[in-house]
């Protein structure tokens, strides 16, 4: 057996007549794959970008943060009974005047 022997070539002839109509206009067949590829890249880019259309809507949510000092200086009795009790009473009075759907947070700090 000879290694350098050429193998016989086989040919396959496919009829292409009538598959695409021939016309005298410009042939667009070569551009179809490129156009499909470009459209797929564009659609993929749009889907990855997650486009969002913002809509302005009135918000009924109000949030208030109260901060109260709980350090040792709040034990002073210059305000009766103490500064801390006066701050708690003022916070309770303020909370009674708020609308029902108002969210309130409380932060205490010392030092």
PDB file of N, CA and C in Angstrom:
ATOM      1  N   UNK A   1       0.836  -1.185   0.000  1.00  0.00           N
ATOM      2  CA  UNK A   1       0.000   0.000   0.000  1.00  0.00           C
ATOM      3  C   UNK A   1       0.877   1.244   0.000  1.00  0.00           C
ATOM      4  N   UNK A   2       0.489   2.107  -0.836  1.00  0.00           N
ATOM      5  CA  UNK A   2       1.252   3.344  -0.958  1.00  0.00           C
ATOM      6  C   UNK A   2       0.554   4.443  -0.175  1.00  0.00           C
ATOM      7  N   UNK A   3       1.313   5.141   0.623  1.00  0.00           N
ATOM      8  CA  UNK A   3       0.730   6.215   1.440  1.00  0.00           C
ATOM      9  C   UNK A   3       0.460   7.471   0.620  1.00  0.00           C
ATOM     10  N   UNK A   4       1.123   7.640  -0.434  1.00  0.00           N
ATOM     11  CA  UNK A   4       1.014   8.858  -1.207  1.00  0.00           C
ATOM     12  C   UNK A   4      -0.014   8.752  -2.318  1.00  0.00           C
ATOM     13  N   UNK A   5      -0.771   7.776  -2.302  1.00  0.00           N
ATOM     14  CA  UNK A   5      -1.790   7.587  -3.327  1.00  0.00           C
ATOM     15  C   UNK A   5      -2.930   8.572  -3.084  1.00  0.00           C
ATOM     16  N   UNK A   6      -3.377   9.184  -4.116  1.00  0.00           N
ATOM     17  CA  UNK A   6      -4.477  10.141  -4.012  1.00  0.00           C
ATOM     18  C   UNK A   6      -5.794   9.405  -3.961  1.00  0.00           C
ATOM     19  N   UNK A   7      -6.658   9.934  -3.114  1.00  0.00           N
ATOM     20  CA  UNK A   7      -7.987   9.357  -3.050  1.00  0.00           C
ATOM     21  C   UNK A   7      -8.837   9.956  -4.153  1.00  0.00           C
ATOM     22  N   UNK A   8      -9.788   9.208  -4.560  1.00  0.00           N
ATOM     23  CA  UNK A   8     -10.671   9.679  -5.621  1.00  0.00           C
ATOM     24  C   UNK A   8     -11.600  10.744  -5.048  1.00  0.00           C
ATOM     25  N   UNK A   9     -11.799  11.826  -5.758  1.00  0.00           N
ATOM     26  CA  UNK A   9     -12.684  12.897  -5.325  1.00  0.00           C
ATOM     27  C   UNK A   9     -14.110  12.583  -5.745  1.00  0.00           C
ATOM     28  N   UNK A  10     -15.014  12.879  -4.835  1.00  0.00           N
ATOM     29  CA  UNK A  10     -16.421  12.708  -5.173  1.00  0.00           C
ATOM     30  C   UNK A  10     -17.048  14.085  -5.278  1.00  0.00           C
ATOM     31  N   UNK A  11     -17.895  14.236  -6.237  1.00  0.00           N
ATOM     32  CA  UNK A  11     -18.560  15.498  -6.472  1.00  0.00           C
ATOM     33  C   UNK A  11     -20.051  15.321  -6.264  1.00  0.00           C
ATOM     34  N   UNK A  12     -20.643  16.348  -5.712  1.00  0.00           N
ATOM     35  CA  UNK A  12     -22.074  16.333  -5.504  1.00  0.00           C
ATOM     36  C   UNK A  12     -22.629  17.580  -6.160  1.00  0.00           C
ATOM     37  N   UNK A  13     -23.477  17.412  -7.096  1.00  0.00           N
ATOM     38  CA  UNK A  13     -24.066  18.536  -7.804  1.00  0.00           C
ATOM     39  C   UNK A  13     -25.476  18.746  -7.268  1.00  0.00           C
ATOM     40  N   UNK A  14     -25.757  19.972  -6.805  1.00  0.00           N
ATOM     41  CA  UNK A  14     -27.079  20.305  -6.298  1.00  0.00           C
ATOM     42  C   UNK A  14     -27.724  21.308  -7.242  1.00  0.00           C
ATOM     43  N   UNK A  15     -28.925  21.075  -7.610  1.00  0.00           N
ATOM     44  CA  UNK A  15     -29.601  22.046  -8.484  1.00  0.00           C
ATOM     45  C   UNK A  15     -30.034  23.265  -7.669  1.00  0.00           C
ATOM     46  N   UNK A  16     -29.645  24.443  -8.086  1.00  0.00           N
ATOM     47  CA  UNK A  16     -30.007  25.672  -7.395  1.00  0.00           C
ATOM     48  C   UNK A  16     -30.930  26.536  -8.218  1.00  0.00           C
ATOM     49  N   UNK A  17     -31.269  26.084  -9.376  1.00  0.00           N
ATOM     50  CA  UNK A  17     -32.126  26.867 -10.248  1.00  0.00           C
ATOM     51  C   UNK A  17     -33.533  26.881  -9.668  1.00  0.00           C
ATOM     52  N   UNK A  18     -34.111  28.052  -9.550  1.00  0.00           N
ATOM     53  CA  UNK A  18     -35.462  28.171  -9.058  1.00  0.00           C
ATOM     54  C   UNK A  18     -35.561  28.349  -7.551  1.00  0.00           C
ATOM     55  N   UNK A  19     -34.465  28.176  -6.843  1.00  0.00           N
ATOM     56  CA  UNK A  19     -34.529  28.346  -5.391  1.00  0.00           C
ATOM     57  C   UNK A  19     -34.693  29.820  -5.035  1.00  0.00           C
ATOM     58  N   UNK A  20     -33.883  30.662  -5.627  1.00  0.00           N
ATOM     59  CA  UNK A  20     -34.023  32.107  -5.491  1.00  0.00           C
ATOM     60  C   UNK A  20     -34.344  32.662  -6.875  1.00  0.00           C
ATOM     61  N   UNK A  21     -35.367  33.465  -6.959  1.00  0.00           N
ATOM     62  CA  UNK A  21     -35.679  34.006  -8.289  1.00  0.00           C
ATOM     63  C   UNK A  21     -34.595  34.966  -8.757  1.00  0.00           C
ATOM     64  N   UNK A  22     -34.238  34.834 -10.002  1.00  0.00           N
ATOM     65  CA  UNK A  22     -33.238  35.727 -10.576  1.00  0.00           C
ATOM     66  C   UNK A  22     -33.930  36.987 -11.078  1.00  0.00           C
ATOM     67  N   UNK A  23     -33.321  38.114 -10.835  1.00  0.00           N
ATOM     68  CA  UNK A  23     -33.889  39.365 -11.314  1.00  0.00           C
ATOM     69  C   UNK A  23     -32.754  40.268 -11.749  1.00  0.00           C
ATOM     70  N   UNK A  24     -33.127  41.322 -12.391  1.00  0.00           N
ATOM     71  CA  UNK A  24     -32.120  42.258 -12.873  1.00  0.00           C
ATOM     72  C   UNK A  24     -31.721  43.236 -11.776  1.00  0.00           C
ATOM     73  N   UNK A  25     -32.423  43.207 -10.626  1.00  0.00           N
ATOM     74  CA  UNK A  25     -32.093  44.113  -9.529  1.00  0.00           C
ATOM     75  C   UNK A  25     -30.829  43.636  -8.823  1.00  0.00           C
ATOM     76  N   UNK A  26     -30.380  44.434  -7.911  1.00  0.00           N
ATOM     77  CA  UNK A  26     -29.175  44.123  -7.154  1.00  0.00           C
ATOM     78  C   UNK A  26     -29.399  42.861  -6.307  1.00  0.00           C
ATOM     79  N   UNK A  27     -28.438  41.995  -6.270  1.00  0.00           N
ATOM     80  CA  UNK A  27     -28.543  40.738  -5.545  1.00  0.00           C
ATOM     81  C   UNK A  27     -28.280  40.978  -4.049  1.00  0.00           C
ATOM     82  N   UNK A  28     -29.252  40.645  -3.217  1.00  0.00           N
ATOM     83  CA  UNK A  28     -29.114  40.894  -1.777  1.00  0.00           C
ATOM     84  C   UNK A  28     -28.798  39.624  -0.999  1.00  0.00           C
ATOM     85  N   UNK A  29     -28.745  38.506  -1.661  1.00  0.00           N
ATOM     86  CA  UNK A  29     -28.483  37.243  -0.974  1.00  0.00           C
ATOM     87  C   UNK A  29     -27.200  37.235  -0.147  1.00  0.00           C
ATOM     88  N   UNK A  30     -26.106  37.794  -0.612  1.00  0.00           N
ATOM     89  CA  UNK A  30     -24.877  37.743   0.202  1.00  0.00           C
ATOM     90  C   UNK A  30     -24.978  38.560   1.495  1.00  0.00           C
ATOM     91  N   UNK A  31     -25.912  39.488   1.559  1.00  0.00           N
ATOM     92  CA  UNK A  31     -26.019  40.350   2.738  1.00  0.00           C
ATOM     93  C   UNK A  31     -26.963  39.809   3.802  1.00  0.00           C
ATOM     94  N   UNK A  32     -27.716  38.768   3.486  1.00  0.00           N
ATOM     95  CA  UNK A  32     -28.695  38.229   4.434  1.00  0.00           C
ATOM     96  C   UNK A  32     -28.031  37.705   5.704  1.00  0.00           C
ATOM     97  N   UNK A  33     -26.984  36.883   5.645  1.00  0.00           N
ATOM     98  CA  UNK A  33     -26.364  36.418   6.892  1.00  0.00           C
ATOM     99  C   UNK A  33     -25.809  37.555   7.750  1.00  0.00           C
ATOM    100  N   UNK A  34     -25.198  38.528   7.114  1.00  0.00           N
ATOM    101  CA  UNK A  34     -24.657  39.660   7.868  1.00  0.00           C
ATOM    102  C   UNK A  34     -25.771  40.469   8.515  1.00  0.00           C
ATOM    103  N   UNK A  35     -26.885  40.652   7.809  1.00  0.00           N
ATOM    104  CA  UNK A  35     -28.016  41.396   8.374  1.00  0.00           C
ATOM    105  C   UNK A  35     -28.634  40.642   9.544  1.00  0.00           C
ATOM    106  N   UNK A  36     -28.778  39.330   9.429  1.00  0.00           N
ATOM    107  CA  UNK A  36     -29.309  38.539  10.536  1.00  0.00           C
ATOM    108  C   UNK A  36     -28.382  38.561  11.741  1.00  0.00           C
ATOM    109  N   UNK A  37     -27.072  38.484  11.487  1.00  0.00           N
ATOM    110  CA  UNK A  37     -26.107  38.562  12.581  1.00  0.00           C
ATOM    111  C   UNK A  37     -26.174  39.920  13.268  1.00  0.00           C
ATOM    112  N   UNK A  38     -26.242  40.984  12.499  1.00  0.00           N
ATOM    113  CA  UNK A  38     -26.336  42.324  13.076  1.00  0.00           C
ATOM    114  C   UNK A  38     -27.611  42.511  13.888  1.00  0.00           C
ATOM    115  N   UNK A  39     -28.725  41.983  13.374  1.00  0.00           N
ATOM    116  CA  UNK A  39     -29.987  42.080  14.113  1.00  0.00           C
ATOM    117  C   UNK A  39     -29.913  41.295  15.413  1.00  0.00           C
ATOM    118  N   UNK A  40     -29.276  40.132  15.397  1.00  0.00           N
ATOM    119  CA  UNK A  40     -29.169  39.338  16.626  1.00  0.00           C
ATOM    120  C   UNK A  40     -28.273  40.025  17.644  1.00  0.00           C
ATOM    121  N   UNK A  41     -27.194  40.649  17.189  1.00  0.00           N
ATOM    122  CA  UNK A  41     -26.325  41.385  18.116  1.00  0.00           C
ATOM    123  C   UNK A  41     -27.074  42.569  18.711  1.00  0.00           C
ATOM    124  N   UNK A  42     -27.838  43.269  17.907  1.00  0.00           N
ATOM    125  CA  UNK A  42     -28.609  44.411  18.392  1.00  0.00           C
ATOM    126  C   UNK A  42     -29.654  43.985  19.421  1.00  0.00           C
ATOM    127  N   UNK A  43     -30.392  42.939  19.128  1.00  0.00           N
ATOM    128  CA  UNK A  43     -31.413  42.462  20.068  1.00  0.00           C
ATOM    129  C   UNK A  43     -30.796  41.914  21.349  1.00  0.00           C
ATOM    130  N   UNK A  44     -29.657  41.267  21.242  1.00  0.00           N
ATOM    131  CA  UNK A  44     -28.971  40.786  22.435  1.00  0.00           C
ATOM    132  C   UNK A  44     -28.502  41.951  23.294  1.00  0.00           C
ATOM    133  N   UNK A  45     -27.987  42.977  22.666  1.00  0.00           N
ATOM    134  CA  UNK A  45     -27.561  44.164  23.413  1.00  0.00           C
ATOM    135  C   UNK A  45     -28.719  44.850  24.105  1.00  0.00           C
ATOM    136  N   UNK A  46     -29.844  44.933  23.445  1.00  0.00           N
ATOM    137  CA  UNK A  46     -31.027  45.537  24.067  1.00  0.00           C
ATOM    138  C   UNK A  46     -31.537  44.711  25.237  1.00  0.00           C
ATOM    139  N   UNK A  47     -31.500  43.400  25.107  1.00  0.00           N
ATOM    140  CA  UNK A  47     -32.002  42.567  26.199  1.00  0.00           C
ATOM    141  C   UNK A  47     -31.061  42.590  27.397  1.00  0.00           C
ATOM    142  N   UNK A  48     -29.762  42.714  27.171  1.00  0.00           N
ATOM    143  CA  UNK A  48     -28.805  42.786  28.277  1.00  0.00           C
ATOM    144  C   UNK A  48     -28.895  44.142  28.980  1.00  0.00           C
ATOM    145  N   UNK A  49     -29.236  45.184  28.249  1.00  0.00           N
ATOM    146  CA  UNK A  49     -29.292  46.523  28.834  1.00  0.00           C
ATOM    147  C   UNK A  49     -30.471  46.705  29.774  1.00  0.00           C
ATOM    148  N   UNK A  50     -31.466  45.837  29.728  1.00  0.00           N
ATOM    149  CA  UNK A  50     -32.675  45.918  30.567  1.00  0.00           C
ATOM    150  C   UNK A  50     -33.281  47.314  30.505  1.00  0.00           C
ATOM    151  N   UNK A  51     -33.789  47.706  29.368  1.00  0.00           N
ATOM    152  CA  UNK A  51     -34.341  49.057  29.260  1.00  0.00           C
ATOM    153  C   UNK A  51     -35.549  49.248  30.175  1.00  0.00           C
ATOM    154  N   UNK A  52     -35.590  50.407  30.828  1.00  0.00           N
ATOM    155  CA  UNK A  52     -36.672  50.730  31.757  1.00  0.00           C
ATOM    156  C   UNK A  52     -37.180  52.114  31.400  1.00  0.00           C
ATOM    157  N   UNK A  53     -38.482  52.257  31.370  1.00  0.00           N
ATOM    158  CA  UNK A  53     -39.090  53.550  31.108  1.00  0.00           C
ATOM    159  C   UNK A  53     -39.621  54.105  32.428  1.00  0.00           C
ATOM    160  N   UNK A  54     -38.986  55.151  32.965  1.00  0.00           N
ATOM    161  CA  UNK A  54     -39.431  55.669  34.265  1.00  0.00           C
ATOM    162  C   UNK A  54     -40.758  56.424  34.142  1.00  0.00           C
ATOM    163  N   UNK A  55     -41.643  56.172  35.076  1.00  0.00           N
ATOM    164  CA  UNK A  55     -42.931  56.847  35.117  1.00  0.00           C
ATOM    165  C   UNK A  55     -43.027  57.591  36.439  1.00  0.00           C
ATOM    166  N   UNK A  56     -43.275  58.876  36.355  1.00  0.00           N
ATOM    167  CA  UNK A  56     -43.401  59.676  37.562  1.00  0.00           C
ATOM    168  C   UNK A  56     -44.757  59.420  38.198  1.00  0.00           C
ATOM    169  N   UNK A  57     -44.739  59.016  39.455  1.00  0.00           N
ATOM    170  CA  UNK A  57     -45.976  58.752  40.181  1.00  0.00           C
ATOM    171  C   UNK A  57     -45.871  59.419  41.550  1.00  0.00           C
ATOM    172  N   UNK A  58     -46.957  59.988  42.012  1.00  0.00           N
ATOM    173  CA  UNK A  58     -46.898  60.620  43.327  1.00  0.00           C
ATOM    174  C   UNK A  58     -46.685  59.574  44.415  1.00  0.00           C
ATOM    175  N   UNK A  59     -45.826  59.903  45.349  1.00  0.00           N
ATOM    176  CA  UNK A  59     -45.519  58.986  46.435  1.00  0.00           C
ATOM    177  C   UNK A  59     -46.217  59.438  47.705  1.00  0.00           C
ATOM    178  N   UNK A  60     -46.871  58.519  48.369  1.00  0.00           N
ATOM    179  CA  UNK A  60     -47.562  58.821  49.613  1.00  0.00           C
ATOM    180  C   UNK A  60     -46.757  58.340  50.818  1.00  0.00           C
ATOM    181  N   UNK A  61     -45.527  57.934  50.593  1.00  0.00           N
ATOM    182  CA  UNK A  61     -44.704  57.405  51.674  1.00  0.00           C
ATOM    183  C   UNK A  61     -43.815  58.504  52.237  1.00  0.00           C
ATOM    184  N   UNK A  62     -43.928  58.712  53.526  1.00  0.00           N
ATOM    185  CA  UNK A  62     -43.090  59.681  54.221  1.00  0.00           C
ATOM    186  C   UNK A  62     -42.346  58.935  55.317  1.00  0.00           C
ATOM    187  N   UNK A  63     -41.064  59.203  55.442  1.00  0.00           N
ATOM    188  CA  UNK A  63     -40.254  58.556  56.461  1.00  0.00           C
ATOM    189  C   UNK A  63     -39.579  59.623  57.306  1.00  0.00           C
ATOM    190  N   UNK A  64     -39.660  59.447  58.614  1.00  0.00           N
ATOM    191  CA  UNK A  64     -39.035  60.379  59.556  1.00  0.00           C
ATOM    192  C   UNK A  64     -38.159  59.579  60.501  1.00  0.00           C
ATOM    193  N   UNK A  65     -36.950  60.073  60.741  1.00  0.00           N
ATOM    194  CA  UNK A  65     -36.046  59.438  61.699  1.00  0.00           C
ATOM    195  C   UNK A  65     -35.896  60.357  62.906  1.00  0.00           C
ATOM    196  N   UNK A  66     -36.172  59.827  64.079  1.00  0.00           N
ATOM    197  CA  UNK A  66     -35.975  60.549  65.329  1.00  0.00           C
ATOM    198  C   UNK A  66     -34.674  60.073  65.949  1.00  0.00           C
ATOM    199  N   UNK A  67     -33.886  61.007  66.452  1.00  0.00           N
ATOM    200  CA  UNK A  67     -32.658  60.626  67.154  1.00  0.00           C
ATOM    201  C   UNK A  67     -32.719  61.214  68.568  1.00  0.00           C
ATOM    202  N   UNK A  68     -32.456  60.359  69.538  1.00  0.00           N
ATOM    203  CA  UNK A  68     -32.534  60.772  70.940  1.00  0.00           C
ATOM    204  C   UNK A  68     -31.205  60.456  71.607  1.00  0.00           C
ATOM    205  N   UNK A  69     -30.719  61.433  72.344  1.00  0.00           N
ATOM    206  CA  UNK A  69     -29.473  61.290  73.099  1.00  0.00           C
ATOM    207  C   UNK A  69     -29.772  60.522  74.387  1.00  0.00           C
ATOM    208  N   UNK A  70     -29.019  59.458  74.650  1.00  0.00           N
ATOM    209  CA  UNK A  70     -29.207  58.683  75.871  1.00  0.00           C
ATOM    210  C   UNK A  70     -27.948  58.703  76.737  1.00  0.00           C
ATOM    211  N   UNK A  71     -27.115  59.706  76.534  1.00  0.00           N
ATOM    212  CA  UNK A  71     -25.880  59.790  77.312  1.00  0.00           C
ATOM    213  C   UNK A  71     -26.184  60.249  78.733  1.00  0.00           C
ATOM    214  N   UNK A  72     -25.167  60.296  79.547  1.00  0.00           N
ATOM    215  CA  UNK A  72     -25.316  60.683  80.958  1.00  0.00           C
ATOM    216  C   UNK A  72     -25.792  62.107  81.145  1.00  0.00           C
ATOM    217  N   UNK A  73     -25.538  62.979  80.193  1.00  0.00           N
ATOM    218  CA  UNK A  73     -25.965  64.371  80.345  1.00  0.00           C
ATOM    219  C   UNK A  73     -27.489  64.511  80.303  1.00  0.00           C
ATOM    220  N   UNK A  74     -28.185  63.506  79.798  1.00  0.00           N
ATOM    221  CA  UNK A  74     -29.651  63.559  79.732  1.00  0.00           C
ATOM    222  C   UNK A  74     -30.287  63.283  81.100  1.00  0.00           C
ATOM    223  N   UNK A  75     -29.470  62.916  82.110  1.00  0.00           N
ATOM    224  CA  UNK A  75     -29.985  62.699  83.467  1.00  0.00           C
ATOM    225  C   UNK A  75     -30.061  63.994  84.257  1.00  0.00           C
ATOM    226  N   UNK A  76     -29.582  65.059  83.658  1.00  0.00           N
ATOM    227  CA  UNK A  76     -29.586  66.351  84.355  1.00  0.00           C
ATOM    228  C   UNK A  76     -31.021  66.755  84.669  1.00  0.00           C
ATOM    229  N   UNK A  77     -31.212  67.406  85.816  1.00  0.00           N
ATOM    230  CA  UNK A  77     -32.562  67.769  86.263  1.00  0.00           C
ATOM    231  C   UNK A  77     -32.870  69.240  86.039  1.00  0.00           C
ATOM    232  N   UNK A  78     -32.183  69.909  85.116  1.00  0.00           N
ATOM    233  CA  UNK A  78     -32.497  71.314  84.850  1.00  0.00           C
ATOM    234  C   UNK A  78     -33.877  71.445  84.199  1.00  0.00           C
ATOM    235  N   UNK A  79     -34.368  70.396  83.586  1.00  0.00           N
ATOM    236  CA  UNK A  79     -35.733  70.326  83.063  1.00  0.00           C
ATOM    237  C   UNK A  79     -36.418  69.213  83.851  1.00  0.00           C
ATOM    238  N   UNK A  80     -37.609  69.476  84.361  1.00  0.00           N
ATOM    239  CA  UNK A  80     -38.292  68.502  85.210  1.00  0.00           C
ATOM    240  C   UNK A  80     -38.966  67.437  84.383  1.00  0.00           C
ATOM    241  N   UNK A  81     -38.961  66.172  84.677  1.00  0.00           N
ATOM    242  CA  UNK A  81     -38.166  65.514  85.710  1.00  0.00           C
ATOM    243  C   UNK A  81     -36.705  65.361  85.276  1.00  0.00           C
ATOM    244  N   UNK A  82     -36.443  64.944  84.035  1.00  0.00           N
ATOM    245  CA  UNK A  82     -35.072  64.923  83.487  1.00  0.00           C
ATOM    246  C   UNK A  82     -35.144  65.314  82.021  1.00  0.00           C
ATOM    247  N   UNK A  83     -33.983  65.574  81.446  1.00  0.00           N
ATOM    248  CA  UNK A  83     -33.942  65.907  80.011  1.00  0.00           C
ATOM    249  C   UNK A  83     -34.441  64.739  79.171  1.00  0.00           C
ATOM    250  N   UNK A  84     -34.072  63.515  79.559  1.00  0.00           N
ATOM    251  CA  UNK A  84     -34.475  62.335  78.798  1.00  0.00           C
ATOM    252  C   UNK A  84     -35.986  62.161  78.806  1.00  0.00           C
ATOM    253  N   UNK A  85     -36.643  62.337  79.950  1.00  0.00           N
ATOM    254  CA  UNK A  85     -38.107  62.230  80.033  1.00  0.00           C
ATOM    255  C   UNK A  85     -38.777  63.333  79.217  1.00  0.00           C
ATOM    256  N   UNK A  86     -38.201  64.527  79.225  1.00  0.00           N
ATOM    257  CA  UNK A  86     -38.744  65.631  78.423  1.00  0.00           C
ATOM    258  C   UNK A  86     -38.628  65.315  76.932  1.00  0.00           C
ATOM    259  N   UNK A  87     -37.505  64.705  76.500  1.00  0.00           N
ATOM    260  CA  UNK A  87     -37.323  64.330  75.092  1.00  0.00           C
ATOM    261  C   UNK A  87     -38.323  63.241  74.702  1.00  0.00           C
ATOM    262  N   UNK A  88     -38.569  62.273  75.589  1.00  0.00           N
ATOM    263  CA  UNK A  88     -39.543  61.217  75.293  1.00  0.00           C
ATOM    264  C   UNK A  88     -40.952  61.800  75.162  1.00  0.00           C
ATOM    265  N   UNK A  89     -41.314  62.705  76.065  1.00  0.00           N
ATOM    266  CA  UNK A  89     -42.645  63.327  75.981  1.00  0.00           C
ATOM    267  C   UNK A  89     -42.804  64.138  74.697  1.00  0.00           C
ATOM    268  N   UNK A  90     -41.746  64.870  74.298  1.00  0.00           N
ATOM    269  CA  UNK A  90     -41.798  65.656  73.060  1.00  0.00           C
ATOM    270  C   UNK A  90     -41.934  64.738  71.846  1.00  0.00           C
ATOM    271  N   UNK A  91     -41.247  63.585  71.860  1.00  0.00           N
ATOM    272  CA  UNK A  91     -41.335  62.638  70.745  1.00  0.00           C
ATOM    273  C   UNK A  91     -42.745  62.044  70.661  1.00  0.00           C
ATOM    274  N   UNK A  92     -43.341  61.704  71.813  1.00  0.00           N
ATOM    275  CA  UNK A  92     -44.703  61.153  71.818  1.00  0.00           C
ATOM    276  C   UNK A  92     -45.704  62.177  71.287  1.00  0.00           C
ATOM    277  N   UNK A  93     -45.558  63.432  71.689  1.00  0.00           N
ATOM    278  CA  UNK A  93     -46.451  64.484  71.204  1.00  0.00           C
ATOM    279  C   UNK A  93     -46.306  64.666  69.698  1.00  0.00           C
ATOM    280  N   UNK A  94     -45.076  64.636  69.228  1.00  0.00           N
ATOM    281  CA  UNK A  94     -44.817  64.785  67.796  1.00  0.00           C
ATOM    282  C   UNK A  94     -45.423  63.617  67.006  1.00  0.00           C
ATOM    283  N   UNK A  95     -45.281  62.391  67.526  1.00  0.00           N
ATOM    284  CA  UNK A  95     -45.793  61.215  66.817  1.00  0.00           C
ATOM    285  C   UNK A  95     -47.315  61.204  66.732  1.00  0.00           C
ATOM    286  N   UNK A  96     -47.989  61.782  67.711  1.00  0.00           N
ATOM    287  CA  UNK A  96     -49.458  61.842  67.666  1.00  0.00           C
ATOM    288  C   UNK A  96     -49.956  62.760  66.554  1.00  0.00           C
ATOM    289  N   UNK A  97     -49.145  63.731  66.133  1.00  0.00           N
ATOM    290  CA  UNK A  97     -49.577  64.697  65.118  1.00  0.00           C
ATOM    291  C   UNK A  97     -49.310  64.220  63.690  1.00  0.00           C
ATOM    292  N   UNK A  98     -48.624  63.091  63.523  1.00  0.00           N
ATOM    293  CA  UNK A  98     -48.257  62.611  62.183  1.00  0.00           C
ATOM    294  C   UNK A  98     -49.426  61.908  61.509  1.00  0.00           C
ATOM    295  N   UNK A  99     -49.477  61.935  60.162  1.00  0.00           N
ATOM    296  CA  UNK A  99     -50.491  61.159  59.429  1.00  0.00           C
ATOM    297  C   UNK A  99     -50.302  59.656  59.687  1.00  0.00           C
ATOM    298  N   UNK A 100     -51.357  58.861  59.516  1.00  0.00           N
ATOM    299  CA  UNK A 100     -51.277  57.437  59.866  1.00  0.00           C
ATOM    300  C   UNK A 100     -50.283  56.610  59.054  1.00  0.00           C
ATOM    301  N   UNK A 101     -50.022  56.939  57.803  1.00  0.00           N
ATOM    302  CA  UNK A 101     -49.137  56.109  56.968  1.00  0.00           C
ATOM    303  C   UNK A 101     -47.678  56.557  56.993  1.00  0.00           C
ATOM    304  N   UNK A 102     -47.333  57.437  57.896  1.00  0.00           N
ATOM    305  CA  UNK A 102     -45.957  57.908  57.997  1.00  0.00           C
ATOM    306  C   UNK A 102     -45.113  56.862  58.704  1.00  0.00           C
ATOM    307  N   UNK A 103     -43.956  56.538  58.105  1.00  0.00           N
ATOM    308  CA  UNK A 103     -43.034  55.598  58.728  1.00  0.00           C
ATOM    309  C   UNK A 103     -42.066  56.367  59.599  1.00  0.00           C
ATOM    310  N   UNK A 104     -41.824  55.848  60.806  1.00  0.00           N
ATOM    311  CA  UNK A 104     -40.970  56.529  61.777  1.00  0.00           C
ATOM    312  C   UNK A 104     -39.890  55.571  62.233  1.00  0.00           C
ATOM    313  N   UNK A 105     -38.658  56.076  62.297  1.00  0.00           N
ATOM    314  CA  UNK A 105     -37.537  55.302  62.827  1.00  0.00           C
ATOM    315  C   UNK A 105     -36.953  56.023  64.028  1.00  0.00           C
ATOM    316  N   UNK A 106     -36.345  55.251  64.914  1.00  0.00           N
ATOM    317  CA  UNK A 106     -35.773  55.823  66.138  1.00  0.00           C
ATOM    318  C   UNK A 106     -34.318  55.389  66.235  1.00  0.00           C
ATOM    319  N   UNK A 107     -33.466  56.384  66.479  1.00  0.00           N
ATOM    320  CA  UNK A 107     -32.038  56.124  66.660  1.00  0.00           C
ATOM    321  C   UNK A 107     -31.630  56.731  67.982  1.00  0.00           C
ATOM    322  N   UNK A 108     -30.962  55.941  68.805  1.00  0.00           N
ATOM    323  CA  UNK A 108     -30.461  56.486  70.064  1.00  0.00           C
ATOM    324  C   UNK A 108     -28.945  56.525  69.988  1.00  0.00           C
ATOM    325  N   UNK A 109     -28.375  57.545  70.618  1.00  0.00           N
ATOM    326  CA  UNK A 109     -26.914  57.677  70.587  1.00  0.00           C
ATOM    327  C   UNK A 109     -26.445  58.173  71.937  1.00  0.00           C
ATOM    328  N   UNK A 110     -25.196  57.910  72.226  1.00  0.00           N
ATOM    329  CA  UNK A 110     -24.573  58.357  73.472  1.00  0.00           C
ATOM    330  C   UNK A 110     -23.127  58.696  73.160  1.00  0.00           C
ATOM    331  N   UNK A 111     -22.663  59.753  73.754  1.00  0.00           N
ATOM    332  CA  UNK A 111     -21.268  60.105  73.616  1.00  0.00           C
ATOM    333  C   UNK A 111     -20.981  61.039  72.480  1.00  0.00           C
TER     334      UNK A 111
END
